[in-house]
Amino acid sequence: MAYITQNSAGVQAPVRTGVIGSGWMGAFHAESIARRALAMALACIESVKQGAPAAVAASTVDYAEEKS
């Protein structure tokens, strides 16, 4: 299996990843990806709880901006 980690200009691109679940564990992993995983970007959060993914995503926005 191969992963594309460079864009067409040859610039290193972050690995986009998603989190399934927005409970305490999903929120922990979303924050970890957004805050600590410099080579990763949080692309999606999915959950059966309506409205919960948006709340988790909103809490990680500041961390994602700090990495860039």
Protein backbone atom coordinates (compact mmCIF):
# COMPACT_ATOMS: atom_id res chain seq x y z
CA MET A 1 0.00 0.00 0.00
CA ALA A 2 1.31 3.47 -0.84
CA TYR A 3 0.33 6.83 0.55
CA ILE A 4 0.59 10.13 -1.27
CA THR A 5 2.32 12.53 1.10
CA GLN A 6 3.32 15.18 -1.43
CA ASN A 7 1.14 17.40 -3.53
CA SER A 8 1.72 18.05 -7.23
CA ALA A 9 4.24 20.81 -6.42
CA GLY A 10 6.35 18.36 -4.40
CA VAL A 11 5.43 19.96 -1.08
CA GLN A 12 4.99 17.60 1.87
CA ALA A 13 1.28 17.26 2.58
CA PRO A 14 -0.23 16.12 5.90
CA VAL A 15 -1.95 12.74 6.06
CA ARG A 16 -5.68 13.44 6.31
CA THR A 17 -7.46 11.26 8.85
CA GLY A 18 -10.88 10.90 10.44
CA VAL A 19 -12.25 9.91 13.84
CA ILE A 20 -15.29 7.69 14.31
CA GLY A 21 -17.11 8.50 17.53
CA SER A 22 -17.36 11.73 19.48
CA GLY A 23 -17.47 10.48 23.05
CA TRP A 24 -14.57 11.00 25.44
CA MET A 25 -12.27 8.66 23.51
CA GLY A 26 -13.11 10.13 20.10
CA ALA A 27 -12.66 13.66 21.47
CA PHE A 28 -9.29 12.63 22.96
CA HIS A 29 -8.08 11.22 19.63
CA ALA A 30 -9.38 14.23 17.68
CA GLU A 31 -7.52 16.59 20.02
CA SER A 32 -4.37 14.46 19.81
CA ILE A 33 -4.41 14.55 16.01
CA ALA A 34 -5.14 18.28 15.89
CA ARG A 35 -2.63 19.22 18.60
CA ARG A 36 0.25 16.76 18.56
CA ALA A 37 0.41 14.90 15.24
CA LEU A 38 2.29 17.40 13.08
CA ALA A 39 2.20 15.24 9.94
CA MET A 40 -1.56 14.64 10.20
CA ALA A 41 -4.67 16.73 9.59
CA LEU A 42 -8.06 16.00 11.12
CA ALA A 43 -10.36 15.79 8.09
CA CYS A 44 -13.58 14.29 9.51
CA ILE A 45 -15.37 13.39 12.74
CA GLU A 46 -18.38 11.07 12.55
CA SER A 47 -20.79 9.96 15.27
CA VAL A 48 -24.31 8.70 15.78
CA LYS A 49 -24.87 11.50 18.32
CA GLN A 50 -26.38 14.41 16.44
CA GLY A 51 -24.43 17.64 16.96
CA ALA A 52 -21.57 16.00 18.86
CA PRO A 53 -19.08 15.90 15.95
CA ALA A 54 -19.49 19.66 15.43
CA ALA A 55 -18.76 20.32 19.10
CA VAL A 56 -15.62 18.17 19.02
CA ALA A 57 -14.48 19.78 15.76
CA ALA A 58 -15.00 23.27 17.18
CA SER A 59 -12.83 22.40 20.17
CA THR A 60 -9.91 21.37 17.93
CA VAL A 61 -9.86 24.38 15.57
CA ASP A 62 -7.39 26.42 17.62
CA TYR A 63 -4.92 23.53 17.78
CA ALA A 64 -5.09 22.96 14.03
CA GLU A 65 -4.34 26.64 13.39
CA GLU A 66 -1.33 26.52 15.74
CA LYS A 67 0.26 23.73 13.67
CA SER A 68 0.14 25.64 10.39
